Amino acid sequence: MVDRYQRDQYVLASKFPTFNLPSEDQVESIFLEQLDKCGVEYFDYYLLHNLNRILYEIEVEKNHLFDYMKKWKTEGKIKHIGFSYHDDATHLDQILTEHPEVEVVQIVMNYYDDNESMIQGKACYDVIRKHGCQVIIMEPVKGGALVNIPQTAIEKMQALYPHASTASYAIRYCASYDGVVAVLSGMSNMEQMQDNISYMLDFQSLTKEEYDILAYTKQEIIKTWKYQCDDWSVLDDNDYHVPLSAIMRSYNSLLIQPIPTFGAELNYYKTFRSGYDRAFEKADYSWLNSKINNAFDVNTALQEAINFLTENSFQGYIED
């Protein structure tokens, strides 16, 4: 690409590996090596990778990574400062308040996860826009889960637009938000790429009827969950004040994804649990069984969910 096109004819982004930084004295050499490997003199967008409340404190702030990014921008080696993020909206607001130099944030966002309390897609989006930053969206089709949706939802989509793919609804949902720079679709073949291009070349925001179809689709997906409950909020009334509903909903969501051990939720759990007394993970919640009309055994299901989330979490840098 570098040989075939003038540098101003394409947009190039890269990330700094915040999770694997041996010491601050290697920051500059890592960045320069990235430029060298790409064969360019600057990145259009340069992001700190995978920020959350813990990485922010133990790697980013300690090693002055934002100061380096400001220096590289002054030197013309990056055009826009940003980071990718996997945590709640409250800590995102803290980071953006403390670092007004940030111009763009990459978050998980899709019509399924926008109001799920572990990922908080819409709340994070609102925080980013409040700070005047642009948005890059990852996981628009949730690892493929929003491609292979229940037949009842497919029928509604096809009744409206017979040839529209299920992926097109998911990606257009994300692209319909203001301030979105890019929607990162994990395409696996040429057919998927051509499909994406077909509806993004002449992009049209979703209509109210399409939003209604997506709301219906999420409810149809929920019907396929392993554990069912009429009112998940009942689980949150416990002695530890932990939103247990978030844990169970996240576990249910992981199980419906093509690769459950690689779902976005796994990038959140250890950070989530760090905010609570760890004793909550071993507590007895049998008294909640009657509260959910014995839909399932809370202790068994919760322990199953916690074990899966903990064992498969991406964040190995956090000690148990």
Protein backbone atom coordinates (compact mmCIF):
# COMPACT_ATOMS: atom_id res chain seq x y z
CA MET A 1 0.00 0.00 0.00
CA VAL A 2 2.82 2.41 0.88
CA ASP A 3 4.41 1.80 -2.53
CA ARG A 4 1.16 2.06 -4.50
CA TYR A 5 -0.45 5.16 -2.96
CA GLN A 6 0.50 8.65 -1.89
CA ARG A 7 0.47 8.90 1.92
CA ASP A 8 -2.47 11.34 1.99
CA GLN A 9 -4.65 8.90 0.03
CA TYR A 10 -5.25 6.48 2.88
CA VAL A 11 -5.86 6.58 6.63
CA LEU A 12 -3.56 4.45 8.79
CA ALA A 13 -4.13 3.63 12.46
CA SER A 14 -2.10 1.69 14.99
CA LYS A 15 -2.07 1.03 18.73
CA PHE A 16 0.48 1.08 21.52
CA PRO A 17 0.65 -2.25 23.47
CA THR A 18 -0.15 -0.87 26.94
CA PHE A 19 -0.66 -4.38 28.36
CA ASN A 20 2.87 -5.54 27.53
CA LEU A 21 5.22 -2.68 28.42
CA PRO A 22 8.40 -3.83 30.20
CA SER A 23 9.56 -0.32 31.21
CA GLU A 24 9.13 3.32 30.27
CA ASP A 25 12.54 3.53 28.60
CA GLN A 26 11.18 1.29 25.83
CA VAL A 27 8.17 3.45 24.97
CA GLU A 28 9.91 5.51 22.30
CA SER A 29 11.64 2.56 20.64
CA ILE A 30 8.38 0.56 20.44
CA PHE A 31 6.61 3.45 18.72
CA LEU A 32 9.45 4.10 16.26
CA GLU A 33 9.61 0.39 15.43
CA GLN A 34 5.90 0.47 14.55
CA LEU A 35 6.44 3.39 12.17
CA ASP A 36 9.39 1.63 10.61
CA LYS A 37 7.54 -1.66 10.11
CA CYS A 38 4.66 0.17 8.43
CA GLY A 39 7.05 2.15 6.24
CA VAL A 40 5.48 5.51 7.05
CA GLU A 41 6.48 8.74 8.77
CA TYR A 42 3.23 9.18 10.69
CA PHE A 43 0.02 7.47 11.82
CA ASP A 44 -3.29 9.24 11.22
CA TYR A 45 -4.79 7.71 14.36
CA TYR A 46 -2.68 6.34 17.20
CA LEU A 47 -4.39 4.65 20.13
CA LEU A 48 -3.36 3.29 23.50
CA HIS A 49 -4.65 -0.27 23.44
CA ASN A 50 -7.26 -1.78 25.74
CA LEU A 51 -7.56 0.85 28.48
CA ASN A 52 -9.55 0.23 31.63
CA ARG A 53 -9.37 1.65 35.15
CA ILE A 54 -6.51 -0.66 36.18
CA LEU A 55 -4.31 -0.37 33.09
CA TYR A 56 -4.82 3.37 33.21
CA GLU A 57 -3.25 3.54 36.66
CA ILE A 58 -0.57 0.84 36.52
CA GLU A 59 0.71 1.36 32.96
CA VAL A 60 -0.58 4.49 31.23
CA GLU A 61 -0.17 7.06 34.00
CA LYS A 62 2.92 5.48 35.55
CA ASN A 63 4.73 5.47 32.21
CA HIS A 64 3.43 8.89 31.06
CA LEU A 65 2.06 7.44 27.83
CA PHE A 66 -0.23 10.37 27.09
CA ASP A 67 2.75 12.73 27.41
CA TYR A 68 4.59 10.70 24.81
CA MET A 69 1.60 10.84 22.49
CA LYS A 70 1.40 14.61 22.80
CA LYS A 71 5.10 14.82 21.95
CA TRP A 72 4.70 12.56 18.91
CA LYS A 73 1.79 14.68 17.72
CA THR A 74 3.87 17.85 18.07
CA GLU A 75 6.60 16.13 16.05
CA GLY A 76 4.08 15.27 13.32
CA LYS A 77 4.37 11.52 13.86
CA ILE A 78 0.69 11.10 14.74
CA LYS A 79 -2.29 13.18 13.67
CA HIS A 80 -4.91 12.16 16.24
CA ILE A 81 -4.53 10.91 19.84
CA GLY A 82 -6.85 8.18 21.09
CA PHE A 83 -7.31 4.92 22.96
CA SER A 84 -9.43 1.79 22.81
CA TYR A 85 -11.50 1.13 25.90
CA HIS A 86 -13.07 -1.79 27.80
CA ASP A 87 -14.61 -0.58 31.06
CA ASP A 88 -17.56 1.38 32.41
CA ALA A 89 -18.70 4.89 31.51
CA THR A 90 -17.70 6.37 34.88
CA HIS A 91 -14.00 5.56 34.50
CA LEU A 92 -14.09 6.61 30.85
CA ASP A 93 -15.34 10.01 31.96
CA GLN A 94 -12.45 10.23 34.45
CA ILE A 95 -9.82 9.47 31.80
CA LEU A 96 -11.23 11.97 29.30
CA THR A 97 -11.53 14.64 31.98
CA GLU A 98 -7.89 14.17 32.98
CA HIS A 99 -6.69 14.01 29.36
CA PRO A 100 -8.43 16.61 27.18
CA GLU A 101 -5.80 15.99 24.47
CA VAL A 102 -7.67 12.80 23.50
CA GLU A 103 -9.50 13.18 20.20
CA VAL A 104 -10.96 9.73 19.53
CA VAL A 105 -12.00 6.65 21.55
CA GLN A 106 -12.66 3.14 20.27
CA ILE A 107 -15.42 1.25 22.09
CA VAL A 108 -17.56 -1.88 21.83
CA MET A 109 -20.95 -0.84 20.55
CA ASN A 110 -23.85 -2.66 18.89
CA TYR A 111 -27.61 -2.84 19.16
CA TYR A 112 -27.38 -5.81 21.51
CA ASP A 113 -24.79 -4.45 23.99
CA ASP A 114 -25.65 -0.78 24.13
CA ASN A 115 -27.63 -1.08 27.35
CA GLU A 116 -25.97 -4.16 28.84
CA SER A 117 -24.45 -3.12 32.17
CA MET A 118 -21.11 -4.90 31.70
CA ILE A 119 -20.27 -3.24 28.37
CA GLN A 120 -22.36 -0.03 28.56
CA GLY A 121 -21.98 0.81 24.88
CA LYS A 122 -24.45 3.70 24.72
CA ALA A 123 -23.35 5.22 28.04
CA CYS A 124 -19.71 5.16 26.90
CA TYR A 125 -20.67 6.71 23.58
CA ASP A 126 -22.48 9.53 25.40
CA VAL A 127 -19.42 10.23 27.56
CA ILE A 128 -17.14 10.37 24.52
CA ARG A 129 -19.40 12.81 22.71
CA LYS A 130 -19.79 14.91 25.86
CA HIS A 131 -16.03 15.46 25.74
CA GLY A 132 -16.18 16.39 22.06
CA CYS A 133 -14.27 13.31 20.88
CA GLN A 134 -14.88 11.14 17.83
CA VAL A 135 -15.85 7.47 18.07
CA ILE A 136 -14.48 4.30 16.49
CA ILE A 137 -16.78 1.31 16.95
CA MET A 138 -15.61 -2.28 17.32
CA GLU A 139 -17.71 -5.46 17.65
CA PRO A 140 -20.64 -4.09 15.59
CA VAL A 141 -21.85 -7.65 14.88
CA LYS A 142 -20.75 -9.04 18.25
CA GLY A 143 -18.30 -11.65 17.02
CA GLY A 144 -20.85 -12.88 14.50
CA ALA A 145 -23.70 -13.31 16.99
CA LEU A 146 -25.71 -10.59 15.23
CA VAL A 147 -25.33 -12.32 11.89
CA ASN A 148 -26.80 -15.67 12.91
CA ILE A 149 -29.94 -14.39 14.57
CA PRO A 150 -33.29 -16.16 15.20
CA GLN A 151 -35.36 -16.87 12.08
CA THR A 152 -38.25 -14.79 13.42
CA ALA A 153 -36.02 -11.70 13.33
CA ILE A 154 -34.61 -12.55 9.90
CA GLU A 155 -38.15 -12.73 8.53
CA LYS A 156 -38.94 -9.23 9.80
CA MET A 157 -35.75 -7.85 8.26
CA GLN A 158 -36.37 -9.53 4.92
CA ALA A 159 -40.00 -8.42 4.84
CA LEU A 160 -38.72 -4.83 4.88
CA TYR A 161 -35.69 -5.30 2.60
CA PRO A 162 -35.54 -8.77 0.98
CA HIS A 163 -31.86 -8.58 0.06
CA ALA A 164 -30.43 -6.81 3.12
CA SER A 165 -28.04 -8.94 5.18
CA THR A 166 -28.37 -9.29 8.93
CA ALA A 167 -24.87 -7.79 9.22
CA SER A 168 -25.99 -4.70 7.31
CA TYR A 169 -28.57 -3.88 9.98
CA ALA A 170 -25.98 -4.20 12.74
CA ILE A 171 -23.32 -2.11 11.01
CA ARG A 172 -25.74 0.58 9.85
CA TYR A 173 -27.00 0.84 13.43
CA CYS A 174 -23.52 1.82 14.59
CA ALA A 175 -22.83 4.09 11.63
CA SER A 176 -26.06 5.99 12.25
CA TYR A 177 -24.61 7.65 15.37
CA ASP A 178 -23.08 11.12 15.09
CA GLY A 179 -19.33 11.46 15.42
CA VAL A 180 -18.48 7.94 14.29
CA VAL A 181 -15.20 7.83 12.35
CA ALA A 182 -15.31 4.14 11.46
CA VAL A 183 -17.20 0.94 12.18
CA LEU A 184 -14.70 -1.92 12.35
CA SER A 185 -16.28 -4.98 10.81
CA GLY A 186 -14.42 -8.28 11.17
CA MET A 187 -14.83 -9.49 7.61
CA SER A 188 -13.76 -13.07 6.83
CA ASN A 189 -14.06 -13.19 3.04
CA MET A 190 -14.56 -11.12 -0.12
CA GLU A 191 -18.32 -11.66 -0.09
CA GLN A 192 -18.64 -10.04 3.33
CA MET A 193 -16.47 -7.12 2.24
CA GLN A 194 -18.58 -6.56 -0.87
CA ASP A 195 -21.73 -6.70 1.22
CA ASN A 196 -20.38 -4.04 3.60
CA ILE A 197 -19.33 -1.77 0.75
CA SER A 198 -22.73 -2.12 -0.95
CA TYR A 199 -24.65 -0.36 1.80
CA MET A 200 -21.90 1.97 3.05
CA LEU A 201 -21.09 3.63 -0.30
CA ASP A 202 -24.48 5.34 -0.31
CA PHE A 203 -25.06 5.22 3.44
CA GLN A 204 -28.57 5.68 4.81
CA SER A 205 -29.24 6.02 8.55
CA LEU A 206 -31.68 3.60 10.11
CA THR A 207 -35.37 4.45 10.04
CA LYS A 208 -37.68 4.14 13.05
CA GLU A 209 -39.08 0.93 11.58
CA GLU A 210 -35.57 -0.53 11.38
CA TYR A 211 -34.78 0.48 14.97
CA ASP A 212 -37.99 -1.28 16.04
CA ILE A 213 -36.89 -4.42 14.20
CA LEU A 214 -33.55 -4.39 16.03
CA ALA A 215 -35.26 -3.98 19.40
CA TYR A 216 -37.43 -6.98 18.50
CA THR A 217 -34.35 -8.91 17.37
CA LYS A 218 -32.59 -8.46 20.70
CA GLN A 219 -35.62 -9.82 22.56
CA GLU A 220 -35.73 -12.81 20.24
CA ILE A 221 -32.03 -13.45 20.90
CA ILE A 222 -32.62 -13.26 24.66
CA LYS A 223 -35.16 -16.06 24.31
CA THR A 224 -32.27 -18.34 23.29
CA TRP A 225 -30.27 -17.71 26.48
CA LYS A 226 -29.34 -20.71 28.62
CA TYR A 227 -30.68 -19.09 31.80
CA GLN A 228 -34.02 -17.30 31.70
CA CYS A 229 -35.44 -14.85 34.22
CA ASP A 230 -38.46 -12.53 34.14
CA ASP A 231 -36.77 -9.85 36.27
CA TRP A 232 -32.97 -9.95 36.41
CA SER A 233 -32.80 -6.93 38.71
CA VAL A 234 -33.98 -9.13 41.59
CA LEU A 235 -30.48 -10.63 41.72
CA ASP A 236 -28.97 -7.22 42.44
CA ASP A 237 -30.61 -6.94 45.87
CA ASN A 238 -27.82 -8.67 47.80
CA ASP A 239 -25.58 -7.98 50.80
CA TYR A 240 -22.58 -7.15 48.61
CA HIS A 241 -24.42 -4.64 46.40
CA VAL A 242 -23.01 -6.39 43.33
CA PRO A 243 -25.05 -6.29 40.10
CA LEU A 244 -25.23 -10.06 39.77
CA SER A 245 -27.62 -9.56 36.86
CA ALA A 246 -24.71 -8.17 34.81
CA ILE A 247 -22.72 -11.33 35.43
CA MET A 248 -25.53 -13.65 34.43
CA ARG A 249 -26.56 -11.62 31.39
CA SER A 250 -22.93 -11.48 30.24
CA TYR A 251 -22.52 -15.23 30.63
CA ASN A 252 -25.74 -15.87 28.70
CA SER A 253 -24.45 -13.53 25.98
CA LEU A 254 -21.10 -15.29 25.73
CA LEU A 255 -22.76 -18.66 25.21
CA ILE A 256 -24.69 -17.49 22.13
CA GLN A 257 -21.56 -16.22 20.37
CA PRO A 258 -19.75 -18.31 17.74
CA ILE A 259 -16.61 -18.40 19.91
CA PRO A 260 -17.75 -17.98 23.56
CA THR A 261 -14.17 -17.88 24.84
CA PHE A 262 -13.42 -14.82 22.72
CA GLY A 263 -16.45 -12.66 23.49
CA ALA A 264 -16.05 -8.97 24.33
CA GLU A 265 -17.46 -9.52 27.83
CA LEU A 266 -14.29 -11.39 28.77
CA ASN A 267 -12.37 -8.13 28.50
CA TYR A 268 -14.46 -6.61 31.28
CA TYR A 269 -15.02 -9.09 34.07
CA LYS A 270 -11.81 -8.93 36.10
CA THR A 271 -11.94 -5.15 36.04
CA PHE A 272 -15.60 -5.30 37.07
CA ARG A 273 -14.92 -7.63 40.01
CA SER A 274 -12.04 -5.44 41.25
CA GLY A 275 -14.63 -2.90 42.36
CA TYR A 276 -16.24 -5.25 44.89
CA ASP A 277 -15.41 -7.41 47.89
CA ARG A 278 -14.33 -10.68 46.24
CA ALA A 279 -16.30 -12.56 48.88
CA PHE A 280 -19.38 -12.00 46.74
CA GLU A 281 -18.14 -14.72 44.37
CA LYS A 282 -18.44 -17.42 47.04
CA ALA A 283 -21.52 -16.19 48.91
CA ASP A 284 -24.72 -18.20 49.34
CA TYR A 285 -27.54 -16.80 47.21
CA SER A 286 -29.98 -19.68 47.61
CA TRP A 287 -32.51 -17.32 49.21
CA LEU A 288 -32.86 -15.63 45.81
CA ASN A 289 -34.23 -18.79 44.18
CA SER A 290 -37.76 -18.03 45.30
CA LYS A 291 -37.41 -14.43 44.12
CA ILE A 292 -36.97 -15.65 40.54
CA ASN A 293 -39.69 -18.29 40.89
CA ASN A 294 -37.05 -21.05 40.91
CA ALA A 295 -36.28 -20.43 37.24
CA PHE A 296 -32.82 -21.85 38.00
CA ASP A 297 -30.58 -22.43 41.01
CA VAL A 298 -28.82 -19.10 41.56
CA ASN A 299 -25.77 -20.52 43.34
CA THR A 300 -25.09 -23.09 40.64
CA ALA A 301 -25.68 -20.76 37.71
CA LEU A 302 -23.75 -17.86 39.21
CA GLN A 303 -20.73 -20.01 40.06
CA GLU A 304 -20.77 -21.45 36.55
CA ALA A 305 -20.83 -17.92 35.10
CA ILE A 306 -18.10 -16.57 37.39
CA ASN A 307 -15.81 -19.53 36.70
CA PHE A 308 -16.22 -19.11 32.95
CA LEU A 309 -15.69 -15.35 33.02
CA THR A 310 -12.65 -15.58 35.29
CA GLU A 311 -10.94 -18.50 33.57
CA ASN A 312 -11.34 -17.06 30.07
CA SER A 313 -10.75 -13.39 30.82
CA PHE A 314 -8.37 -11.58 28.48
CA GLN A 315 -6.86 -9.58 31.31
CA GLY A 316 -4.15 -11.85 32.64
CA TYR A 317 -2.19 -8.91 34.07
CA ILE A 318 -4.60 -8.62 37.01
CA GLU A 319 -3.64 -10.90 39.87
CA ASP A 320 -6.37 -12.92 41.50
